[in-house]
Amino acid sequence: MNVEVFTTPTCEDCRNFKKFLSEHHIPFNEFNIADHPEHADTLFNRTGKRLVPTIFINNQVFFGFVFNRQEIEKQLLV
């Protein structure tokens, strides 16, 4: 399983998602778009948006954790 998350340091939903992943021992790659503008460009090229958290699970994209939590849990907790 491949999990990628695009974040910023001030994003509460980002922190909640990373906490969820840590609690379930799910490895992930984090891309901080505030500290690394090139990650923001990558995110925009992949989605046409610069929203955080943007979550990719095996290349399926979710914009936000709270609003998509049920579907994300289905993908990750199988």
PDB file of N, CA and C in Angstrom:
ATOM      1  N   MET A   1       0.850  -1.178   0.000  1.00  0.00           N
ATOM      2  CA  MET A   1       0.000   0.000   0.000  1.00  0.00           C
ATOM      3  C   MET A   1       0.892   1.237   0.000  1.00  0.00           C
ATOM      4  N   ASN A   2       0.524   2.204  -0.802  1.00  0.00           N
ATOM      5  CA  ASN A   2       1.275   3.445  -0.897  1.00  0.00           C
ATOM      6  C   ASN A   2       0.395   4.595  -0.419  1.00  0.00           C
ATOM      7  N   VAL A   3       0.830   5.287   0.638  1.00  0.00           N
ATOM      8  CA  VAL A   3       0.086   6.421   1.186  1.00  0.00           C
ATOM      9  C   VAL A   3       0.981   7.652   1.110  1.00  0.00           C
ATOM     10  N   GLU A   4       0.458   8.689   0.459  1.00  0.00           N
ATOM     11  CA  GLU A   4       1.146   9.975   0.369  1.00  0.00           C
ATOM     12  C   GLU A   4       0.191  11.042   0.879  1.00  0.00           C
ATOM     13  N   VAL A   5       0.720  12.009   1.619  1.00  0.00           N
ATOM     14  CA  VAL A   5      -0.113  13.100   2.102  1.00  0.00           C
ATOM     15  C   VAL A   5       0.633  14.418   1.919  1.00  0.00           C
ATOM     16  N   PHE A   6      -0.067  15.373   1.332  1.00  0.00           N
ATOM     17  CA  PHE A   6       0.449  16.728   1.154  1.00  0.00           C
ATOM     18  C   PHE A   6      -0.114  17.569   2.287  1.00  0.00           C
ATOM     19  N   THR A   7       0.774  18.258   3.013  1.00  0.00           N
ATOM     20  CA  THR A   7       0.398  18.930   4.252  1.00  0.00           C
ATOM     21  C   THR A   7       0.980  20.335   4.339  1.00  0.00           C
ATOM     22  N   THR A   8       0.520  21.046   5.384  1.00  0.00           N
ATOM     23  CA  THR A   8       1.184  22.255   5.871  1.00  0.00           C
ATOM     24  C   THR A   8       1.263  22.127   7.392  1.00  0.00           C
ATOM     25  N   PRO A   9       2.204  22.813   8.027  1.00  0.00           N
ATOM     26  CA  PRO A   9       2.366  22.694   9.481  1.00  0.00           C
ATOM     27  C   PRO A   9       1.167  23.194  10.284  1.00  0.00           C
ATOM     28  N   THR A  10       0.395  24.116   9.745  1.00  0.00           N
ATOM     29  CA  THR A  10      -0.712  24.701  10.502  1.00  0.00           C
ATOM     30  C   THR A  10      -2.049  24.010  10.256  1.00  0.00           C
ATOM     31  N   CYS A  11      -2.063  22.966   9.469  1.00  0.00           N
ATOM     32  CA  CYS A  11      -3.303  22.287   9.080  1.00  0.00           C
ATOM     33  C   CYS A  11      -3.710  21.252  10.135  1.00  0.00           C
ATOM     34  N   GLU A  12      -4.797  21.515  10.833  1.00  0.00           N
ATOM     35  CA  GLU A  12      -5.263  20.594  11.875  1.00  0.00           C
ATOM     36  C   GLU A  12      -5.713  19.259  11.295  1.00  0.00           C
ATOM     37  N   ASP A  13      -6.397  19.287  10.158  1.00  0.00           N
ATOM     38  CA  ASP A  13      -6.847  18.053   9.514  1.00  0.00           C
ATOM     39  C   ASP A  13      -5.643  17.201   9.094  1.00  0.00           C
ATOM     40  N   CYS A  14      -4.561  17.855   8.688  1.00  0.00           N
ATOM     41  CA  CYS A  14      -3.315  17.139   8.352  1.00  0.00           C
ATOM     42  C   CYS A  14      -2.774  16.424   9.585  1.00  0.00           C
ATOM     43  N   ARG A  15      -2.726  17.139  10.703  1.00  0.00           N
ATOM     44  CA  ARG A  15      -2.228  16.539  11.947  1.00  0.00           C
ATOM     45  C   ARG A  15      -3.101  15.367  12.367  1.00  0.00           C
ATOM     46  N   ASN A  16      -4.413  15.510  12.225  1.00  0.00           N
ATOM     47  CA  ASN A  16      -5.322  14.419  12.590  1.00  0.00           C
ATOM     48  C   ASN A  16      -5.086  13.189  11.727  1.00  0.00           C
ATOM     49  N   PHE A  17      -4.850  13.390  10.445  1.00  0.00           N
ATOM     50  CA  PHE A  17      -4.609  12.254   9.559  1.00  0.00           C
ATOM     51  C   PHE A  17      -3.289  11.570   9.906  1.00  0.00           C
ATOM     52  N   LYS A  18      -2.249  12.352  10.140  1.00  0.00           N
ATOM     53  CA  LYS A  18      -0.954  11.763  10.488  1.00  0.00           C
ATOM     54  C   LYS A  18      -1.039  11.015  11.820  1.00  0.00           C
ATOM     55  N   LYS A  19      -1.812  11.541  12.763  1.00  0.00           N
ATOM     56  CA  LYS A  19      -2.021  10.846  14.040  1.00  0.00           C
ATOM     57  C   LYS A  19      -2.736   9.522  13.807  1.00  0.00           C
ATOM     58  N   PHE A  20      -3.767   9.540  12.980  1.00  0.00           N
ATOM     59  CA  PHE A  20      -4.500   8.317  12.632  1.00  0.00           C
ATOM     60  C   PHE A  20      -3.546   7.278  12.041  1.00  0.00           C
ATOM     61  N   LEU A  21      -2.716   7.696  11.099  1.00  0.00           N
ATOM     62  CA  LEU A  21      -1.766   6.773  10.475  1.00  0.00           C
ATOM     63  C   LEU A  21      -0.797   6.201  11.506  1.00  0.00           C
ATOM     64  N   SER A  22      -0.284   7.052  12.371  1.00  0.00           N
ATOM     65  CA  SER A  22       0.660   6.596  13.396  1.00  0.00           C
ATOM     66  C   SER A  22       0.003   5.615  14.355  1.00  0.00           C
ATOM     67  N   GLU A  23      -1.221   5.914  14.768  1.00  0.00           N
ATOM     68  CA  GLU A  23      -1.938   5.030  15.694  1.00  0.00           C
ATOM     69  C   GLU A  23      -2.178   3.651  15.094  1.00  0.00           C
ATOM     70  N   HIS A  24      -2.304   3.586  13.778  1.00  0.00           N
ATOM     71  CA  HIS A  24      -2.561   2.316  13.098  1.00  0.00           C
ATOM     72  C   HIS A  24      -1.297   1.736  12.449  1.00  0.00           C
ATOM     73  N   HIS A  25      -0.147   2.345  12.761  1.00  0.00           N
ATOM     74  CA  HIS A  25       1.152   1.861  12.268  1.00  0.00           C
ATOM     75  C   HIS A  25       1.169   1.723  10.745  1.00  0.00           C
ATOM     76  N   ILE A  26       0.614   2.736  10.085  1.00  0.00           N
ATOM     77  CA  ILE A  26       0.565   2.752   8.622  1.00  0.00           C
ATOM     78  C   ILE A  26       1.666   3.684   8.118  1.00  0.00           C
ATOM     79  N   PRO A  27       2.613   3.159   7.362  1.00  0.00           N
ATOM     80  CA  PRO A  27       3.680   4.021   6.832  1.00  0.00           C
ATOM     81  C   PRO A  27       3.139   4.966   5.760  1.00  0.00           C
ATOM     82  N   PHE A  28       3.742   6.149   5.689  1.00  0.00           N
ATOM     83  CA  PHE A  28       3.300   7.134   4.702  1.00  0.00           C
ATOM     84  C   PHE A  28       4.452   8.054   4.341  1.00  0.00           C
ATOM     85  N   ASN A  29       4.297   8.711   3.211  1.00  0.00           N
ATOM     86  CA  ASN A  29       5.230   9.750   2.772  1.00  0.00           C
ATOM     87  C   ASN A  29       4.525  11.087   2.888  1.00  0.00           C
ATOM     88  N   GLU A  30       5.167  12.032   3.566  1.00  0.00           N
ATOM     89  CA  GLU A  30       4.596  13.363   3.758  1.00  0.00           C
ATOM     90  C   GLU A  30       5.335  14.374   2.898  1.00  0.00           C
ATOM     91  N   PHE A  31       4.554  15.265   2.275  1.00  0.00           N
ATOM     92  CA  PHE A  31       5.104  16.331   1.447  1.00  0.00           C
ATOM     93  C   PHE A  31       4.565  17.659   1.971  1.00  0.00           C
ATOM     94  N   ASN A  32       5.427  18.424   2.628  1.00  0.00           N
ATOM     95  CA  ASN A  32       5.052  19.695   3.227  1.00  0.00           C
ATOM     96  C   ASN A  32       5.133  20.782   2.158  1.00  0.00           C
ATOM     97  N   ILE A  33       3.976  21.302   1.756  1.00  0.00           N
ATOM     98  CA  ILE A  33       3.960  22.287   0.666  1.00  0.00           C
ATOM     99  C   ILE A  33       4.325  23.687   1.138  1.00  0.00           C
ATOM    100  N   ALA A  34       4.285  23.935   2.454  1.00  0.00           N
ATOM    101  CA  ALA A  34       4.663  25.253   2.965  1.00  0.00           C
ATOM    102  C   ALA A  34       6.181  25.422   2.957  1.00  0.00           C
ATOM    103  N   ASP A  35       6.879  24.388   3.363  1.00  0.00           N
ATOM    104  CA  ASP A  35       8.338  24.458   3.442  1.00  0.00           C
ATOM    105  C   ASP A  35       9.029  24.125   2.125  1.00  0.00           C
ATOM    106  N   HIS A  36       8.309  23.441   1.243  1.00  0.00           N
ATOM    107  CA  HIS A  36       8.893  23.005  -0.030  1.00  0.00           C
ATOM    108  C   HIS A  36       7.935  23.349  -1.175  1.00  0.00           C
ATOM    109  N   PRO A  37       8.062  24.534  -1.752  1.00  0.00           N
ATOM    110  CA  PRO A  37       7.149  24.971  -2.817  1.00  0.00           C
ATOM    111  C   PRO A  37       7.090  24.011  -3.999  1.00  0.00           C
ATOM    112  N   GLU A  38       8.160  23.269  -4.234  1.00  0.00           N
ATOM    113  CA  GLU A  38       8.133  22.305  -5.332  1.00  0.00           C
ATOM    114  C   GLU A  38       7.085  21.219  -5.093  1.00  0.00           C
ATOM    115  N   HIS A  39       6.799  20.924  -3.814  1.00  0.00           N
ATOM    116  CA  HIS A  39       5.747  19.948  -3.508  1.00  0.00           C
ATOM    117  C   HIS A  39       4.368  20.519  -3.848  1.00  0.00           C
ATOM    118  N   ALA A  40       4.197  21.822  -3.653  1.00  0.00           N
ATOM    119  CA  ALA A  40       2.935  22.471  -4.029  1.00  0.00           C
ATOM    120  C   ALA A  40       2.737  22.391  -5.536  1.00  0.00           C
ATOM    121  N   ASP A  41       3.815  22.560  -6.284  1.00  0.00           N
ATOM    122  CA  ASP A  41       3.731  22.448  -7.746  1.00  0.00           C
ATOM    123  C   ASP A  41       3.380  21.026  -8.162  1.00  0.00           C
ATOM    124  N   THR A  42       4.003  20.051  -7.515  1.00  0.00           N
ATOM    125  CA  THR A  42       3.693  18.645  -7.802  1.00  0.00           C
ATOM    126  C   THR A  42       2.229  18.356  -7.517  1.00  0.00           C
ATOM    127  N   LEU A  43       1.748  18.833  -6.370  1.00  0.00           N
ATOM    128  CA  LEU A  43       0.348  18.626  -5.999  1.00  0.00           C
ATOM    129  C   LEU A  43      -0.576  19.241  -7.041  1.00  0.00           C
ATOM    130  N   PHE A  44      -0.284  20.457  -7.456  1.00  0.00           N
ATOM    131  CA  PHE A  44      -1.120  21.122  -8.455  1.00  0.00           C
ATOM    132  C   PHE A  44      -1.094  20.368  -9.785  1.00  0.00           C
ATOM    133  N   ASN A  45       0.060  19.891 -10.174  1.00  0.00           N
ATOM    134  CA  ASN A  45       0.165  19.137 -11.431  1.00  0.00           C
ATOM    135  C   ASN A  45      -0.621  17.834 -11.381  1.00  0.00           C
ATOM    136  N   ARG A  46      -0.685  17.213 -10.207  1.00  0.00           N
ATOM    137  CA  ARG A  46      -1.392  15.933 -10.072  1.00  0.00           C
ATOM    138  C   ARG A  46      -2.895  16.097  -9.912  1.00  0.00           C
ATOM    139  N   THR A  47      -3.334  17.239  -9.323  1.00  0.00           N
ATOM    140  CA  THR A  47      -4.755  17.374  -8.976  1.00  0.00           C
ATOM    141  C   THR A  47      -5.420  18.630  -9.521  1.00  0.00           C
ATOM    142  N   GLY A  48      -4.638  19.621  -9.902  1.00  0.00           N
ATOM    143  CA  GLY A  48      -5.208  20.904 -10.295  1.00  0.00           C
ATOM    144  C   GLY A  48      -5.606  21.755  -9.101  1.00  0.00           C
ATOM    145  N   LYS A  49      -5.199  21.322  -7.895  1.00  0.00           N
ATOM    146  CA  LYS A  49      -5.552  22.039  -6.657  1.00  0.00           C
ATOM    147  C   LYS A  49      -4.335  22.115  -5.750  1.00  0.00           C
ATOM    148  N   ARG A  50      -4.448  23.001  -4.763  1.00  0.00           N
ATOM    149  CA  ARG A  50      -3.423  23.110  -3.716  1.00  0.00           C
ATOM    150  C   ARG A  50      -4.103  23.035  -2.355  1.00  0.00           C
ATOM    151  N   LEU A  51      -4.892  22.018  -2.142  1.00  0.00           N
ATOM    152  CA  LEU A  51      -5.622  21.836  -0.891  1.00  0.00           C
ATOM    153  C   LEU A  51      -4.877  20.858   0.004  1.00  0.00           C
ATOM    154  N   VAL A  52      -4.918  21.124   1.317  1.00  0.00           N
ATOM    155  CA  VAL A  52      -4.327  20.191   2.280  1.00  0.00           C
ATOM    156  C   VAL A  52      -5.353  19.831   3.351  1.00  0.00           C
ATOM    157  N   PRO A  53      -5.306  18.628   3.835  1.00  0.00           N
ATOM    158  CA  PRO A  53      -4.462  17.570   3.317  1.00  0.00           C
ATOM    159  C   PRO A  53      -5.035  16.990   2.028  1.00  0.00           C
ATOM    160  N   THR A  54      -4.170  16.734   1.093  1.00  0.00           N
ATOM    161  CA  THR A  54      -4.527  15.911  -0.059  1.00  0.00           C
ATOM    162  C   THR A  54      -3.857  14.574   0.172  1.00  0.00           C
ATOM    163  N   ILE A  55      -4.668  13.538   0.117  1.00  0.00           N
ATOM    164  CA  ILE A  55      -4.232  12.196   0.486  1.00  0.00           C
ATOM    165  C   ILE A  55      -4.334  11.295  -0.734  1.00  0.00           C
ATOM    166  N   PHE A  56      -3.245  10.625  -1.031  1.00  0.00           N
ATOM    167  CA  PHE A  56      -3.238   9.622  -2.093  1.00  0.00           C
ATOM    168  C   PHE A  56      -3.055   8.254  -1.448  1.00  0.00           C
ATOM    169  N   ILE A  57      -3.982   7.352  -1.729  1.00  0.00           N
ATOM    170  CA  ILE A  57      -3.869   5.967  -1.276  1.00  0.00           C
ATOM    171  C   ILE A  57      -3.882   5.116  -2.533  1.00  0.00           C
ATOM    172  N   ASN A  58      -2.718   4.543  -2.849  1.00  0.00           N
ATOM    173  CA  ASN A  58      -2.581   3.778  -4.097  1.00  0.00           C
ATOM    174  C   ASN A  58      -3.104   4.573  -5.290  1.00  0.00           C
ATOM    175  N   ASN A  59      -2.746   5.848  -5.342  1.00  0.00           N
ATOM    176  CA  ASN A  59      -3.111   6.775  -6.425  1.00  0.00           C
ATOM    177  C   ASN A  59      -4.577   7.181  -6.451  1.00  0.00           C
ATOM    178  N   GLN A  60      -5.393   6.740  -5.477  1.00  0.00           N
ATOM    179  CA  GLN A  60      -6.749   7.277  -5.331  1.00  0.00           C
ATOM    180  C   GLN A  60      -6.619   8.532  -4.474  1.00  0.00           C
ATOM    181  N   VAL A  61      -7.270   9.613  -4.885  1.00  0.00           N
ATOM    182  CA  VAL A  61      -7.070  10.893  -4.207  1.00  0.00           C
ATOM    183  C   VAL A  61      -8.267  11.242  -3.326  1.00  0.00           C
ATOM    184  N   PHE A  62      -7.944  11.803  -2.149  1.00  0.00           N
ATOM    185  CA  PHE A  62      -8.948  12.307  -1.215  1.00  0.00           C
ATOM    186  C   PHE A  62      -8.530  13.714  -0.821  1.00  0.00           C
ATOM    187  N   PHE A  63      -9.475  14.636  -0.863  1.00  0.00           N
ATOM    188  CA  PHE A  63      -9.218  16.012  -0.435  1.00  0.00           C
ATOM    189  C   PHE A  63      -9.802  16.171   0.961  1.00  0.00           C
ATOM    190  N   GLY A  64      -8.952  16.143   1.965  1.00  0.00           N
ATOM    191  CA  GLY A  64      -9.383  16.259   3.353  1.00  0.00           C
ATOM    192  C   GLY A  64      -9.549  14.902   4.011  1.00  0.00           C
ATOM    193  N   PHE A  65      -9.304  14.875   5.320  1.00  0.00           N
ATOM    194  CA  PHE A  65      -9.432  13.644   6.094  1.00  0.00           C
ATOM    195  C   PHE A  65     -10.808  13.531   6.736  1.00  0.00           C
ATOM    196  N   VAL A  66     -11.238  14.561   7.446  1.00  0.00           N
ATOM    197  CA  VAL A  66     -12.494  14.490   8.193  1.00  0.00           C
ATOM    198  C   VAL A  66     -13.665  14.152   7.279  1.00  0.00           C
ATOM    199  N   PHE A  67     -13.761  14.815   6.144  1.00  0.00           N
ATOM    200  CA  PHE A  67     -14.897  14.601   5.246  1.00  0.00           C
ATOM    201  C   PHE A  67     -14.847  13.255   4.543  1.00  0.00           C
ATOM    202  N   ASN A  68     -13.684  12.656   4.471  1.00  0.00           N
ATOM    203  CA  ASN A  68     -13.506  11.384   3.758  1.00  0.00           C
ATOM    204  C   ASN A  68     -13.094  10.245   4.677  1.00  0.00           C
ATOM    205  N   ARG A  69     -13.193  10.447   5.975  1.00  0.00           N
ATOM    206  CA  ARG A  69     -12.649   9.481   6.935  1.00  0.00           C
ATOM    207  C   ARG A  69     -13.199   8.074   6.728  1.00  0.00           C
ATOM    208  N   GLN A  70     -14.486   7.939   6.533  1.00  0.00           N
ATOM    209  CA  GLN A  70     -15.082   6.609   6.394  1.00  0.00           C
ATOM    210  C   GLN A  70     -14.489   5.860   5.196  1.00  0.00           C
ATOM    211  N   GLU A  71     -14.388   6.521   4.072  1.00  0.00           N
ATOM    212  CA  GLU A  71     -13.833   5.880   2.876  1.00  0.00           C
ATOM    213  C   GLU A  71     -12.334   5.610   3.039  1.00  0.00           C
ATOM    214  N   ILE A  72     -11.628   6.534   3.665  1.00  0.00           N
ATOM    215  CA  ILE A  72     -10.199   6.342   3.908  1.00  0.00           C
ATOM    216  C   ILE A  72      -9.975   5.143   4.822  1.00  0.00           C
ATOM    217  N   GLU A  73     -10.777   5.020   5.867  1.00  0.00           N
ATOM    218  CA  GLU A  73     -10.652   3.869   6.765  1.00  0.00           C
ATOM    219  C   GLU A  73     -10.908   2.567   6.021  1.00  0.00           C
ATOM    220  N   LYS A  74     -11.873   2.562   5.116  1.00  0.00           N
ATOM    221  CA  LYS A  74     -12.130   1.355   4.313  1.00  0.00           C
ATOM    222  C   LYS A  74     -10.903   0.972   3.499  1.00  0.00           C
ATOM    223  N   GLN A  75     -10.220   1.972   2.965  1.00  0.00           N
ATOM    224  CA  GLN A  75      -9.038   1.718   2.141  1.00  0.00           C
ATOM    225  C   GLN A  75      -7.855   1.232   2.977  1.00  0.00           C
ATOM    226  N   LEU A  76      -7.703   1.797   4.168  1.00  0.00           N
ATOM    227  CA  LEU A  76      -6.497   1.548   4.951  1.00  0.00           C
ATOM    228  C   LEU A  76      -6.623   0.442   5.988  1.00  0.00           C
ATOM    229  N   LEU A  77      -7.814   0.209   6.477  1.00  0.00           N
ATOM    230  CA  LEU A  77      -7.987  -0.750   7.569  1.00  0.00           C
ATOM    231  C   LEU A  77      -8.644  -2.030   7.083  1.00  0.00           C
ATOM    232  N   VAL A  78      -8.136  -2.580   6.010  1.00  0.00           N
ATOM    233  CA  VAL A  78      -8.697  -3.825   5.450  1.00  0.00           C
ATOM    234  C   VAL A  78      -7.907  -5.031   5.899  1.00  0.00           C
TER     235      VAL A  78
END
